């Protein structure tokens, strides 16, 4: 079956960009998974230690979750004292558990970091390189309004538009949803003035939608095939 080759398209470069984005996706995905497992472990560890402590003071005023939550949480039994500055951290056990639930600060901060990393890679690098590889940008129109128009016309995807709204609110609006976010096409989660709490169910969709984009990018390295009908 003959190939429909676009002479302006750099198919080899599109393949390279697909590999680069795949590597980023895999790196951030495993970073997210390793981190959330760590969060869950810390919460389980605190709960286990509280159960042990309550067993030692059974039937006293100390035998309650409320009392145990007021006790200090330390990293001493989890990591070495010289690991970063772990010895400088102080929080109650309630705070340690709270930040490690699915809607806690640790999960939310991790999700925000991943969103920002993905979008910065797209906006600062991949988008321009993608349009250039498609033959829509060159030395003569590499900057300015012409370049912006080319990227808008040739590299507009719903998921990246939604991530733009999300990242803007995270970075420039202190993690609070803006009115723009209500225009999201895929990530329709937050209304204006709501806190952006990125739990695992949100990040699962983000990773899946970016995997779909990766598949589209991967397919573009192959010239189209077409059927020639002989008369």
N, C-alpha and C. Protein backbone atom coordinates (compact mmCIF):
# COMPACT_ATOMS: atom_id res chain seq x y z
N UNK A 1 0.86 -1.19 0.00
CA UNK A 1 0.00 0.00 0.00
C UNK A 1 0.90 1.24 0.00
N UNK A 2 0.74 2.14 -0.99
CA UNK A 2 1.60 3.31 -1.09
C UNK A 2 1.48 4.22 0.13
N UNK A 3 2.57 4.97 0.40
CA UNK A 3 2.58 5.92 1.50
C UNK A 3 2.35 7.33 0.99
N UNK A 4 1.58 8.09 1.74
CA UNK A 4 1.35 9.49 1.42
C UNK A 4 2.31 10.32 2.25
N UNK A 5 3.46 10.62 1.67
CA UNK A 5 4.52 11.29 2.40
C UNK A 5 4.44 12.80 2.21
N UNK A 6 4.39 13.52 3.32
CA UNK A 6 4.40 14.98 3.30
C UNK A 6 5.85 15.44 3.27
N UNK A 7 6.30 16.08 2.20
CA UNK A 7 7.71 16.47 2.10
C UNK A 7 8.15 17.48 3.16
N UNK A 8 7.18 18.19 3.78
CA UNK A 8 7.52 19.18 4.80
C UNK A 8 7.64 18.59 6.20
N UNK A 9 7.20 17.34 6.37
CA UNK A 9 7.20 16.72 7.69
C UNK A 9 8.48 15.96 7.96
N UNK A 10 9.06 16.18 9.12
CA UNK A 10 10.26 15.45 9.55
C UNK A 10 9.81 14.27 10.41
N UNK A 11 9.57 13.15 9.77
CA UNK A 11 9.03 11.99 10.47
C UNK A 11 10.02 11.44 11.51
N UNK A 12 11.30 11.51 11.21
CA UNK A 12 12.30 11.05 12.16
C UNK A 12 12.25 11.90 13.45
N UNK A 13 12.09 13.20 13.29
CA UNK A 13 12.03 14.08 14.45
C UNK A 13 10.77 13.82 15.26
N UNK A 14 9.65 13.54 14.60
CA UNK A 14 8.42 13.21 15.31
C UNK A 14 8.61 11.93 16.13
N UNK A 15 9.36 10.98 15.60
CA UNK A 15 9.64 9.76 16.35
C UNK A 15 10.47 10.08 17.59
N UNK A 16 11.45 10.97 17.45
CA UNK A 16 12.27 11.36 18.60
C UNK A 16 11.43 12.05 19.66
N UNK A 17 10.54 12.93 19.23
CA UNK A 17 9.68 13.65 20.18
C UNK A 17 8.74 12.69 20.90
N UNK A 18 8.26 11.69 20.19
CA UNK A 18 7.41 10.68 20.81
C UNK A 18 8.17 9.93 21.90
N UNK A 19 9.41 9.58 21.61
CA UNK A 19 10.23 8.87 22.60
C UNK A 19 10.53 9.76 23.80
N UNK A 20 10.80 11.03 23.56
CA UNK A 20 11.10 11.94 24.67
C UNK A 20 9.88 12.12 25.57
N UNK A 21 8.70 12.29 24.97
CA UNK A 21 7.52 12.47 25.79
C UNK A 21 7.17 11.18 26.53
N UNK A 22 7.35 10.05 25.87
CA UNK A 22 7.10 8.77 26.53
C UNK A 22 8.00 8.61 27.75
N UNK A 23 9.27 8.99 27.62
CA UNK A 23 10.22 8.89 28.74
C UNK A 23 9.77 9.79 29.89
N UNK A 24 9.32 11.01 29.56
CA UNK A 24 8.85 11.92 30.61
C UNK A 24 7.61 11.35 31.29
N UNK A 25 6.67 10.84 30.50
CA UNK A 25 5.44 10.27 31.05
C UNK A 25 5.76 9.12 32.01
N UNK A 26 6.64 8.23 31.58
CA UNK A 26 6.99 7.09 32.42
C UNK A 26 7.70 7.53 33.69
N UNK A 27 8.58 8.52 33.56
CA UNK A 27 9.34 8.99 34.73
C UNK A 27 8.42 9.65 35.76
N UNK A 28 7.49 10.48 35.30
CA UNK A 28 6.57 11.14 36.23
C UNK A 28 5.54 10.16 36.78
N UNK A 29 5.15 9.19 35.97
CA UNK A 29 4.17 8.21 36.45
C UNK A 29 4.74 7.39 37.60
N UNK A 30 5.96 6.90 37.42
CA UNK A 30 6.56 6.08 38.49
C UNK A 30 6.92 6.95 39.69
N UNK A 31 7.28 8.20 39.45
CA UNK A 31 7.52 9.15 40.55
C UNK A 31 6.24 9.32 41.37
N UNK A 32 5.11 9.46 40.69
CA UNK A 32 3.84 9.61 41.39
C UNK A 32 3.52 8.34 42.18
N UNK A 33 3.66 7.18 41.54
CA UNK A 33 3.32 5.92 42.21
C UNK A 33 4.21 5.67 43.42
N UNK A 34 5.51 5.84 43.27
CA UNK A 34 6.42 5.64 44.40
C UNK A 34 6.09 6.59 45.54
N UNK A 35 5.75 7.82 45.20
CA UNK A 35 5.46 8.81 46.23
C UNK A 35 4.19 8.47 47.00
N UNK A 36 3.11 8.13 46.28
CA UNK A 36 1.85 7.87 46.97
C UNK A 36 1.95 6.59 47.82
N UNK A 37 2.76 5.65 47.37
CA UNK A 37 2.98 4.47 48.21
C UNK A 37 3.70 4.87 49.49
N UNK A 38 4.67 5.78 49.37
CA UNK A 38 5.35 6.29 50.55
C UNK A 38 4.41 7.02 51.49
N UNK A 39 3.51 7.83 50.92
CA UNK A 39 2.54 8.54 51.76
C UNK A 39 1.66 7.55 52.53
N UNK A 40 1.20 6.52 51.82
CA UNK A 40 0.33 5.52 52.45
C UNK A 40 1.08 4.75 53.54
N UNK A 41 2.37 4.50 53.28
CA UNK A 41 3.17 3.80 54.28
C UNK A 41 3.30 4.63 55.56
N UNK A 42 3.57 5.92 55.42
CA UNK A 42 3.73 6.78 56.60
C UNK A 42 2.44 6.80 57.41
N UNK A 43 1.32 6.95 56.73
CA UNK A 43 0.05 6.95 57.45
C UNK A 43 -0.18 5.61 58.17
N UNK A 44 0.08 4.52 57.48
CA UNK A 44 -0.10 3.19 58.10
C UNK A 44 0.85 3.00 59.27
N UNK A 45 2.07 3.51 59.12
CA UNK A 45 3.06 3.40 60.20
C UNK A 45 2.58 4.13 61.45
N UNK A 46 2.08 5.36 61.27
CA UNK A 46 1.60 6.13 62.42
C UNK A 46 0.42 5.43 63.08
N UNK A 47 -0.50 4.93 62.28
CA UNK A 47 -1.66 4.23 62.84
C UNK A 47 -1.24 2.98 63.59
N UNK A 48 -0.24 2.26 63.07
CA UNK A 48 0.25 1.06 63.74
C UNK A 48 0.92 1.40 65.07
N UNK A 49 1.73 2.46 65.07
CA UNK A 49 2.40 2.88 66.30
C UNK A 49 1.39 3.37 67.34
N UNK A 50 0.34 4.00 66.88
CA UNK A 50 -0.69 4.44 67.82
C UNK A 50 -1.40 3.25 68.44
N UNK A 51 -1.64 2.21 67.64
CA UNK A 51 -2.28 1.01 68.18
C UNK A 51 -1.39 0.35 69.23
N UNK A 52 -0.09 0.30 68.99
CA UNK A 52 0.84 -0.28 69.95
C UNK A 52 0.86 0.55 71.25
N UNK A 53 0.88 1.87 71.09
CA UNK A 53 0.92 2.73 72.28
C UNK A 53 -0.35 2.58 73.10
N UNK A 54 -1.49 2.48 72.44
CA UNK A 54 -2.75 2.34 73.17
C UNK A 54 -2.82 1.01 73.91
N UNK A 55 -2.19 -0.02 73.34
CA UNK A 55 -2.18 -1.33 74.01
C UNK A 55 -1.43 -1.28 75.32
N UNK A 56 -0.46 -0.37 75.40
CA UNK A 56 0.33 -0.26 76.63
C UNK A 56 -0.38 0.55 77.71
N UNK A 57 -1.38 1.31 77.32
CA UNK A 57 -2.08 2.16 78.29
C UNK A 57 -3.58 1.87 78.26
N UNK A 58 -3.91 0.60 78.03
CA UNK A 58 -5.30 0.20 77.89
C UNK A 58 -6.14 0.65 79.09
N UNK A 59 -7.31 1.17 78.80
CA UNK A 59 -8.29 1.57 79.81
C UNK A 59 -7.85 2.77 80.64
N UNK A 60 -6.95 3.58 80.07
CA UNK A 60 -6.59 4.84 80.74
C UNK A 60 -7.02 6.00 79.85
N UNK A 61 -6.83 7.21 80.35
CA UNK A 61 -7.21 8.38 79.57
C UNK A 61 -6.36 8.54 78.31
N UNK A 62 -5.24 7.80 78.26
CA UNK A 62 -4.36 7.86 77.07
C UNK A 62 -4.79 6.88 75.98
N UNK A 63 -5.74 6.04 76.30
CA UNK A 63 -6.19 5.01 75.36
C UNK A 63 -7.29 5.57 74.46
N UNK A 64 -6.91 6.51 73.60
CA UNK A 64 -7.85 7.05 72.63
C UNK A 64 -7.08 7.62 71.44
N UNK A 65 -7.71 7.61 70.30
CA UNK A 65 -7.06 8.17 69.11
C UNK A 65 -6.83 9.67 69.29
N UNK A 66 -7.79 10.32 69.94
CA UNK A 66 -7.67 11.75 70.15
C UNK A 66 -6.40 12.09 70.91
N UNK A 67 -6.12 11.35 71.98
CA UNK A 67 -4.90 11.61 72.76
C UNK A 67 -3.67 11.28 71.93
N UNK A 68 -3.66 10.12 71.29
CA UNK A 68 -2.49 9.72 70.50
C UNK A 68 -2.20 10.72 69.39
N UNK A 69 -3.25 11.33 68.84
CA UNK A 69 -3.06 12.30 67.77
C UNK A 69 -2.30 13.53 68.24
N UNK A 70 -2.31 13.80 69.53
CA UNK A 70 -1.62 14.99 70.04
C UNK A 70 -0.13 14.75 70.24
N UNK A 71 0.28 13.48 70.21
CA UNK A 71 1.70 13.15 70.41
C UNK A 71 2.50 13.53 69.17
N UNK A 72 3.80 13.72 69.35
CA UNK A 72 4.64 14.18 68.26
C UNK A 72 4.96 13.05 67.30
N UNK A 73 5.06 13.41 66.04
CA UNK A 73 5.52 12.48 65.00
C UNK A 73 6.97 12.81 64.66
N UNK A 74 7.83 11.81 64.71
CA UNK A 74 9.25 11.98 64.38
C UNK A 74 9.65 10.96 63.32
N UNK A 75 10.66 11.32 62.53
CA UNK A 75 11.14 10.42 61.48
C UNK A 75 12.24 9.48 61.97
N UNK A 76 12.59 9.58 63.25
CA UNK A 76 13.76 8.86 63.77
C UNK A 76 13.75 7.37 63.44
N UNK A 77 12.60 6.73 63.55
CA UNK A 77 12.53 5.29 63.34
C UNK A 77 12.29 4.92 61.88
N UNK A 78 12.18 5.91 61.01
CA UNK A 78 11.91 5.65 59.60
C UNK A 78 13.12 5.89 58.71
N UNK A 79 13.89 6.94 59.00
CA UNK A 79 15.05 7.26 58.18
C UNK A 79 16.18 7.72 59.09
N UNK A 80 17.39 7.71 58.54
CA UNK A 80 18.56 8.11 59.31
C UNK A 80 18.48 9.59 59.67
N UNK A 81 19.05 9.94 60.79
CA UNK A 81 19.03 11.33 61.26
C UNK A 81 19.67 12.29 60.27
N UNK A 82 20.66 11.81 59.51
CA UNK A 82 21.38 12.70 58.61
C UNK A 82 20.74 12.76 57.22
N UNK A 83 19.54 12.21 57.08
CA UNK A 83 18.85 12.27 55.80
C UNK A 83 18.20 13.64 55.66
N UNK A 84 18.72 14.45 54.70
CA UNK A 84 18.28 15.85 54.57
C UNK A 84 18.33 16.50 55.96
N UNK A 85 17.25 17.08 56.42
CA UNK A 85 17.20 17.68 57.76
C UNK A 85 15.97 17.15 58.47
N UNK A 86 15.79 15.83 58.42
CA UNK A 86 14.61 15.21 59.00
C UNK A 86 14.46 15.54 60.48
N UNK A 87 15.58 15.71 61.15
CA UNK A 87 15.52 15.98 62.60
C UNK A 87 14.89 17.34 62.90
N UNK A 88 14.82 18.21 61.88
CA UNK A 88 14.26 19.54 62.11
C UNK A 88 12.74 19.55 62.01
N UNK A 89 12.17 18.46 61.52
CA UNK A 89 10.71 18.44 61.33
C UNK A 89 10.00 18.10 62.63
N UNK A 90 8.93 18.84 62.91
CA UNK A 90 8.10 18.56 64.07
C UNK A 90 6.63 18.71 63.67
N UNK A 91 5.86 17.70 63.98
CA UNK A 91 4.41 17.79 63.75
C UNK A 91 3.73 16.77 64.66
N UNK A 92 2.43 16.95 64.86
CA UNK A 92 1.69 15.97 65.65
C UNK A 92 1.39 14.76 64.78
N UNK A 93 1.01 13.67 65.44
CA UNK A 93 0.66 12.48 64.69
C UNK A 93 -0.62 12.70 63.89
N UNK A 94 -1.51 13.54 64.38
CA UNK A 94 -2.71 13.87 63.60
C UNK A 94 -2.34 14.57 62.31
N UNK A 95 -1.38 15.48 62.36
CA UNK A 95 -0.93 16.19 61.16
C UNK A 95 -0.24 15.24 60.19
N UNK A 96 0.53 14.30 60.73
CA UNK A 96 1.21 13.33 59.86
C UNK A 96 0.21 12.45 59.13
N UNK A 97 -0.84 12.04 59.82
CA UNK A 97 -1.87 11.23 59.16
C UNK A 97 -2.66 12.08 58.16
N UNK A 98 -2.99 13.30 58.57
CA UNK A 98 -3.83 14.14 57.73
C UNK A 98 -3.21 14.49 56.39
N UNK A 99 -1.92 14.77 56.39
CA UNK A 99 -1.29 15.16 55.13
C UNK A 99 -1.08 13.97 54.20
N UNK A 100 -1.26 12.75 54.74
CA UNK A 100 -1.03 11.55 53.94
C UNK A 100 -2.30 10.79 53.57
N UNK A 101 -3.46 11.43 53.75
CA UNK A 101 -4.68 10.85 53.19
C UNK A 101 -4.78 11.29 51.74
N UNK A 102 -5.67 10.67 50.97
CA UNK A 102 -5.74 10.91 49.52
C UNK A 102 -6.05 12.35 49.16
N UNK A 103 -6.70 13.08 50.07
CA UNK A 103 -7.00 14.49 49.81
C UNK A 103 -6.12 15.42 50.63
N UNK A 104 -5.06 14.87 51.21
CA UNK A 104 -4.17 15.66 52.05
C UNK A 104 -3.17 16.48 51.25
N UNK A 105 -2.40 17.28 51.98
CA UNK A 105 -1.46 18.19 51.33
C UNK A 105 -0.40 17.45 50.51
N UNK A 106 0.06 16.31 50.99
CA UNK A 106 1.11 15.61 50.25
C UNK A 106 0.62 15.15 48.88
N UNK A 107 -0.56 14.55 48.84
CA UNK A 107 -1.12 14.10 47.56
C UNK A 107 -1.37 15.28 46.64
N UNK A 108 -1.94 16.35 47.20
CA UNK A 108 -2.25 17.51 46.37
C UNK A 108 -0.99 18.17 45.83
N UNK A 109 0.01 18.35 46.68
CA UNK A 109 1.26 18.96 46.23
C UNK A 109 1.94 18.11 45.17
N UNK A 110 1.93 16.81 45.35
CA UNK A 110 2.52 15.91 44.36
C UNK A 110 1.81 16.03 43.02
N UNK A 111 0.48 16.04 43.05
CA UNK A 111 -0.28 16.18 41.81
C UNK A 111 0.01 17.50 41.12
N UNK A 112 0.10 18.57 41.91
CA UNK A 112 0.39 19.88 41.34
C UNK A 112 1.78 19.92 40.71
N UNK A 113 2.74 19.28 41.33
CA UNK A 113 4.09 19.21 40.76
C UNK A 113 4.09 18.47 39.42
N UNK A 114 3.38 17.37 39.36
CA UNK A 114 3.33 16.59 38.12
C UNK A 114 2.64 17.38 37.01
N UNK A 115 1.53 18.03 37.33
CA UNK A 115 0.83 18.85 36.34
C UNK A 115 1.74 19.94 35.79
N UNK A 116 2.43 20.63 36.69
CA UNK A 116 3.32 21.71 36.27
C UNK A 116 4.48 21.17 35.42
N UNK A 117 5.03 20.04 35.80
CA UNK A 117 6.15 19.46 35.04
C UNK A 117 5.72 19.08 33.64
N UNK A 118 4.56 18.46 33.52
CA UNK A 118 4.04 18.08 32.20
C UNK A 118 3.81 19.32 31.34
N UNK A 119 3.10 20.30 31.90
CA UNK A 119 2.76 21.45 31.07
C UNK A 119 3.99 22.26 30.68
N UNK A 120 4.94 22.42 31.59
CA UNK A 120 6.15 23.17 31.27
C UNK A 120 6.93 22.49 30.14
N UNK A 121 6.97 21.16 30.15
CA UNK A 121 7.65 20.43 29.07
C UNK A 121 6.96 20.70 27.74
N UNK A 122 5.64 20.69 27.76
CA UNK A 122 4.86 20.95 26.54
C UNK A 122 5.05 22.40 26.07
N UNK A 123 4.85 23.34 26.95
CA UNK A 123 4.82 24.74 26.57
C UNK A 123 6.21 25.28 26.23
N UNK A 124 7.21 24.85 26.97
CA UNK A 124 8.56 25.38 26.80
C UNK A 124 9.37 24.65 25.73
N UNK A 125 8.92 23.46 25.35
CA UNK A 125 9.75 22.66 24.44
C UNK A 125 8.95 21.88 23.40
N UNK A 126 8.11 20.96 23.84
CA UNK A 126 7.52 19.99 22.92
C UNK A 126 6.61 20.64 21.88
N UNK A 127 5.82 21.63 22.28
CA UNK A 127 4.85 22.22 21.35
C UNK A 127 5.55 22.84 20.14
N UNK A 128 6.57 23.63 20.40
CA UNK A 128 7.30 24.26 19.29
C UNK A 128 8.01 23.21 18.44
N UNK A 129 8.64 22.25 19.09
CA UNK A 129 9.36 21.22 18.34
C UNK A 129 8.41 20.38 17.49
N UNK A 130 7.22 20.14 18.01
CA UNK A 130 6.21 19.37 17.28
C UNK A 130 5.78 20.13 16.02
N UNK A 131 5.49 21.41 16.15
CA UNK A 131 5.05 22.20 15.00
C UNK A 131 6.19 22.35 13.99
N UNK A 132 7.41 22.49 14.47
CA UNK A 132 8.56 22.57 13.58
C UNK A 132 8.72 21.28 12.79
N UNK A 133 8.60 20.14 13.48
CA UNK A 133 8.73 18.85 12.81
C UNK A 133 7.62 18.63 11.78
N UNK A 134 6.47 19.24 12.01
CA UNK A 134 5.37 19.15 11.05
C UNK A 134 5.58 20.08 9.85
N UNK A 135 6.65 20.86 9.88
CA UNK A 135 6.96 21.75 8.77
C UNK A 135 6.21 23.06 8.79
N UNK A 136 5.64 23.43 9.94
CA UNK A 136 4.84 24.65 10.02
C UNK A 136 5.60 25.81 10.64
N UNK A 137 6.81 25.55 11.11
CA UNK A 137 7.67 26.61 11.66
C UNK A 137 9.07 26.42 11.11
N UNK A 138 9.71 27.53 10.82
CA UNK A 138 11.08 27.47 10.33
C UNK A 138 11.83 28.71 10.77
N UNK A 139 13.06 28.90 10.27
CA UNK A 139 13.86 30.05 10.67
C UNK A 139 13.19 31.39 10.41
N UNK A 140 12.37 31.46 9.38
CA UNK A 140 11.75 32.74 9.03
C UNK A 140 10.58 33.13 9.93
N UNK A 141 9.94 32.14 10.53
CA UNK A 141 8.77 32.43 11.37
C UNK A 141 8.86 31.74 12.72
N UNK A 142 10.07 31.68 13.26
CA UNK A 142 10.30 30.94 14.50
C UNK A 142 9.80 31.67 15.73
N UNK A 143 9.59 32.98 15.61
CA UNK A 143 9.14 33.75 16.77
C UNK A 143 8.01 34.69 16.36
N UNK A 144 7.45 35.37 17.34
CA UNK A 144 6.45 36.39 17.06
C UNK A 144 5.06 35.85 16.84
N UNK A 145 4.21 36.69 16.29
CA UNK A 145 2.80 36.34 16.12
C UNK A 145 2.60 35.18 15.16
N UNK A 146 3.44 35.11 14.13
CA UNK A 146 3.31 34.02 13.17
C UNK A 146 3.56 32.68 13.84
N UNK A 147 4.57 32.62 14.70
CA UNK A 147 4.87 31.38 15.43
C UNK A 147 3.74 31.03 16.38
N UNK A 148 3.20 32.03 17.07
CA UNK A 148 2.08 31.77 17.99
C UNK A 148 0.87 31.25 17.24
N UNK A 149 0.60 31.82 16.08
CA UNK A 149 -0.54 31.37 15.29
C UNK A 149 -0.33 29.94 14.80
N UNK A 150 0.89 29.62 14.40
CA UNK A 150 1.18 28.27 13.92
C UNK A 150 1.00 27.24 15.03
N UNK A 151 1.47 27.57 16.22
CA UNK A 151 1.31 26.64 17.33
C UNK A 151 -0.15 26.52 17.76
N UNK A 152 -0.87 27.62 17.68
CA UNK A 152 -2.30 27.56 18.02
C UNK A 152 -3.07 26.71 17.01
N UNK A 153 -2.73 26.86 15.72
CA UNK A 153 -3.47 26.16 14.66
C UNK A 153 -3.05 24.71 14.53
N UNK A 154 -1.77 24.42 14.76
CA UNK A 154 -1.24 23.09 14.49
C UNK A 154 -1.00 22.24 15.74
N UNK A 155 -1.05 22.84 16.91
CA UNK A 155 -0.73 22.09 18.13
C UNK A 155 -1.67 22.48 19.26
N UNK A 156 -2.97 22.36 19.01
CA UNK A 156 -3.97 22.61 20.03
C UNK A 156 -4.67 21.31 20.36
N UNK A 157 -4.55 20.90 21.62
CA UNK A 157 -5.16 19.66 22.10
C UNK A 157 -5.93 19.99 23.37
N UNK A 158 -7.09 19.39 23.52
CA UNK A 158 -7.93 19.69 24.69
C UNK A 158 -7.20 19.47 26.01
N UNK A 159 -6.46 18.37 26.10
CA UNK A 159 -5.82 18.05 27.37
C UNK A 159 -4.78 19.11 27.74
N UNK A 160 -4.06 19.64 26.75
CA UNK A 160 -3.05 20.65 27.05
C UNK A 160 -3.70 21.99 27.39
N UNK A 161 -4.84 22.29 26.77
CA UNK A 161 -5.56 23.49 27.15
C UNK A 161 -6.05 23.41 28.58
N UNK A 162 -6.58 22.25 28.97
CA UNK A 162 -7.04 22.06 30.35
C UNK A 162 -5.89 22.15 31.34
N UNK A 163 -4.75 21.56 30.98
CA UNK A 163 -3.60 21.61 31.87
C UNK A 163 -3.05 23.04 31.99
N UNK A 164 -3.22 23.82 30.94
CA UNK A 164 -2.83 25.24 31.02
C UNK A 164 -3.67 25.95 32.08
N UNK A 165 -4.99 25.76 32.02
CA UNK A 165 -5.87 26.38 33.02
C UNK A 165 -5.49 25.91 34.42
N UNK A 166 -5.24 24.60 34.55
CA UNK A 166 -4.94 24.02 35.85
C UNK A 166 -3.62 24.56 36.39
N UNK A 167 -2.59 24.54 35.56
CA UNK A 167 -1.28 25.02 36.02
C UNK A 167 -1.32 26.51 36.37
N UNK A 168 -2.02 27.30 35.56
CA UNK A 168 -2.11 28.73 35.83
C UNK A 168 -2.73 28.99 37.20
N UNK A 169 -3.78 28.25 37.52
CA UNK A 169 -4.42 28.42 38.82
C UNK A 169 -3.51 27.96 39.96
N UNK A 170 -2.77 26.88 39.73
CA UNK A 170 -1.86 26.36 40.75
C UNK A 170 -0.73 27.34 41.03
N UNK A 171 -0.11 27.84 39.96
CA UNK A 171 1.09 28.67 40.10
C UNK A 171 0.77 30.13 40.39
N UNK A 172 -0.27 30.64 39.75
CA UNK A 172 -0.52 32.08 39.81
C UNK A 172 -1.74 32.47 40.65
N UNK A 173 -2.49 31.47 41.12
CA UNK A 173 -3.67 31.80 41.93
C UNK A 173 -3.68 31.00 43.23
N UNK A 174 -2.48 30.66 43.72
CA UNK A 174 -2.32 30.00 45.02
C UNK A 174 -3.14 28.71 45.13
N UNK A 175 -3.22 27.97 44.04
CA UNK A 175 -3.90 26.68 44.09
C UNK A 175 -5.41 26.76 44.20
N UNK A 176 -5.97 27.89 43.79
CA UNK A 176 -7.42 28.07 43.82
C UNK A 176 -7.94 28.18 42.40
N UNK A 177 -9.02 27.49 42.08
CA UNK A 177 -9.55 27.46 40.72
C UNK A 177 -9.97 28.85 40.24
N UNK A 178 -9.71 29.12 38.98
CA UNK A 178 -10.09 30.39 38.36
C UNK A 178 -11.32 30.18 37.48
N UNK A 179 -11.88 31.28 37.01
CA UNK A 179 -13.04 31.20 36.11
C UNK A 179 -12.68 30.47 34.83
N UNK A 180 -11.43 30.61 34.37
CA UNK A 180 -10.99 29.94 33.15
C UNK A 180 -11.17 28.42 33.23
N UNK A 181 -10.98 27.88 34.41
CA UNK A 181 -11.03 26.43 34.55
C UNK A 181 -12.41 25.86 34.24
N UNK A 182 -13.42 26.70 34.30
CA UNK A 182 -14.76 26.24 33.98
C UNK A 182 -14.94 26.01 32.48
N UNK A 183 -13.93 26.42 31.69
CA UNK A 183 -13.96 26.17 30.24
C UNK A 183 -13.28 24.86 29.87
N UNK A 184 -12.79 24.12 30.84
CA UNK A 184 -12.07 22.88 30.57
C UNK A 184 -12.93 21.90 29.78
N UNK A 185 -12.29 21.22 28.84
CA UNK A 185 -13.00 20.27 27.99
C UNK A 185 -12.98 18.86 28.55
N UNK A 186 -11.91 18.51 29.27
CA UNK A 186 -11.75 17.14 29.78
C UNK A 186 -11.71 17.11 31.31
N UNK A 187 -10.90 17.96 31.90
CA UNK A 187 -10.68 17.95 33.35
C UNK A 187 -11.69 18.89 34.03
N UNK A 188 -12.93 18.49 34.01
CA UNK A 188 -14.02 19.34 34.52
C UNK A 188 -14.28 19.04 35.99
N UNK A 189 -13.38 19.49 36.84
CA UNK A 189 -13.46 19.12 38.25
C UNK A 189 -13.75 20.29 39.17
N UNK A 190 -13.17 21.45 38.90
CA UNK A 190 -13.17 22.52 39.88
C UNK A 190 -13.89 23.77 39.36
N UNK A 191 -14.70 24.34 40.22
CA UNK A 191 -15.37 25.59 39.94
C UNK A 191 -14.55 26.75 40.50
N UNK A 192 -14.85 27.94 40.02
CA UNK A 192 -14.13 29.13 40.47
C UNK A 192 -14.13 29.24 42.00
N UNK A 193 -12.96 29.54 42.55
CA UNK A 193 -12.72 29.76 43.98
C UNK A 193 -12.60 28.47 44.79
N UNK A 194 -12.77 27.32 44.16
CA UNK A 194 -12.58 26.06 44.87
C UNK A 194 -11.10 25.72 44.97
N UNK A 195 -10.66 25.12 46.09
CA UNK A 195 -9.26 24.69 46.18
C UNK A 195 -9.00 23.53 45.21
N UNK A 196 -7.83 23.55 44.59
CA UNK A 196 -7.47 22.50 43.64
C UNK A 196 -6.85 21.34 44.42
N UNK A 197 -7.67 20.39 44.81
CA UNK A 197 -7.22 19.22 45.56
C UNK A 197 -7.12 18.06 44.58
N UNK A 198 -5.89 17.70 44.21
CA UNK A 198 -5.66 16.66 43.22
C UNK A 198 -5.43 15.33 43.91
N UNK A 199 -6.49 14.54 44.02
CA UNK A 199 -6.43 13.22 44.62
C UNK A 199 -6.05 12.20 43.55
N UNK A 200 -5.75 10.95 43.95
CA UNK A 200 -5.35 9.94 42.96
C UNK A 200 -6.36 9.73 41.83
N UNK A 201 -7.66 9.86 42.10
CA UNK A 201 -8.62 9.66 41.02
C UNK A 201 -8.50 10.75 39.95
N UNK A 202 -8.10 11.96 40.36
CA UNK A 202 -7.85 13.02 39.38
C UNK A 202 -6.58 12.74 38.57
N UNK A 203 -5.53 12.36 39.27
CA UNK A 203 -4.26 12.14 38.59
C UNK A 203 -4.31 10.92 37.67
N UNK A 204 -5.13 9.95 38.01
CA UNK A 204 -5.29 8.80 37.11
C UNK A 204 -5.81 9.26 35.75
N UNK A 205 -6.77 10.18 35.76
CA UNK A 205 -7.32 10.69 34.51
C UNK A 205 -6.28 11.52 33.77
N UNK A 206 -5.51 12.34 34.50
CA UNK A 206 -4.46 13.13 33.87
C UNK A 206 -3.47 12.22 33.15
N UNK A 207 -2.99 11.19 33.83
CA UNK A 207 -2.02 10.29 33.21
C UNK A 207 -2.63 9.54 32.02
N UNK A 208 -3.88 9.12 32.13
CA UNK A 208 -4.52 8.40 31.02
C UNK A 208 -4.72 9.32 29.82
N UNK A 209 -5.14 10.56 30.05
CA UNK A 209 -5.34 11.49 28.94
C UNK A 209 -4.01 11.83 28.26
N UNK A 210 -2.95 11.95 29.04
CA UNK A 210 -1.63 12.22 28.45
C UNK A 210 -1.09 10.99 27.73
N UNK A 211 -1.49 9.82 28.17
CA UNK A 211 -1.11 8.60 27.45
C UNK A 211 -1.81 8.56 26.09
N UNK A 212 -3.06 9.01 26.04
CA UNK A 212 -3.77 9.11 24.76
C UNK A 212 -3.04 10.07 23.82
N UNK A 213 -2.60 11.21 24.37
CA UNK A 213 -1.84 12.16 23.55
C UNK A 213 -0.56 11.51 23.05
N UNK A 214 0.12 10.78 23.92
CA UNK A 214 1.35 10.09 23.51
C UNK A 214 1.08 9.17 22.34
N UNK A 215 -0.05 8.47 22.36
CA UNK A 215 -0.38 7.56 21.27
C UNK A 215 -0.59 8.31 19.96
N UNK A 216 -1.23 9.48 20.04
CA UNK A 216 -1.41 10.31 18.85
C UNK A 216 -0.06 10.77 18.32
N UNK A 217 0.80 11.23 19.22
CA UNK A 217 2.14 11.68 18.82
C UNK A 217 2.94 10.54 18.21
N UNK A 218 2.85 9.38 18.81
CA UNK A 218 3.58 8.21 18.30
C UNK A 218 3.14 7.87 16.88
N UNK A 219 1.84 7.96 16.61
CA UNK A 219 1.32 7.58 15.30
C UNK A 219 1.76 8.55 14.20
N UNK A 220 2.08 9.78 14.57
CA UNK A 220 2.41 10.79 13.56
C UNK A 220 3.78 10.58 12.93
N UNK A 221 4.59 9.69 13.47
CA UNK A 221 5.89 9.43 12.86
C UNK A 221 5.77 8.55 11.62
N UNK A 222 4.58 8.00 11.38
CA UNK A 222 4.37 7.10 10.25
C UNK A 222 3.57 7.81 9.16
N UNK A 223 4.10 7.87 7.95
CA UNK A 223 3.34 8.49 6.86
C UNK A 223 2.01 7.77 6.64
N UNK A 224 1.03 8.53 6.17
CA UNK A 224 -0.28 7.94 5.90
C UNK A 224 -0.19 6.94 4.75
N UNK A 225 -0.99 5.91 4.86
CA UNK A 225 -1.14 4.96 3.77
C UNK A 225 -2.42 5.24 3.01
N UNK A 226 -2.41 5.04 1.71
CA UNK A 226 -3.61 5.24 0.93
C UNK A 226 -3.72 4.19 -0.17
N UNK A 227 -4.91 3.99 -0.60
CA UNK A 227 -5.19 2.99 -1.62
C UNK A 227 -5.26 3.67 -2.99
N UNK A 228 -4.59 3.08 -3.93
CA UNK A 228 -4.63 3.58 -5.31
C UNK A 228 -5.52 2.65 -6.12
N UNK A 229 -6.57 3.19 -6.69
CA UNK A 229 -7.49 2.41 -7.51
C UNK A 229 -7.11 2.56 -8.96
N UNK A 230 -6.81 1.46 -9.57
CA UNK A 230 -6.44 1.48 -10.99
C UNK A 230 -7.68 1.38 -11.86
N UNK A 231 -7.76 2.25 -12.86
CA UNK A 231 -8.93 2.26 -13.73
C UNK A 231 -8.86 1.18 -14.81
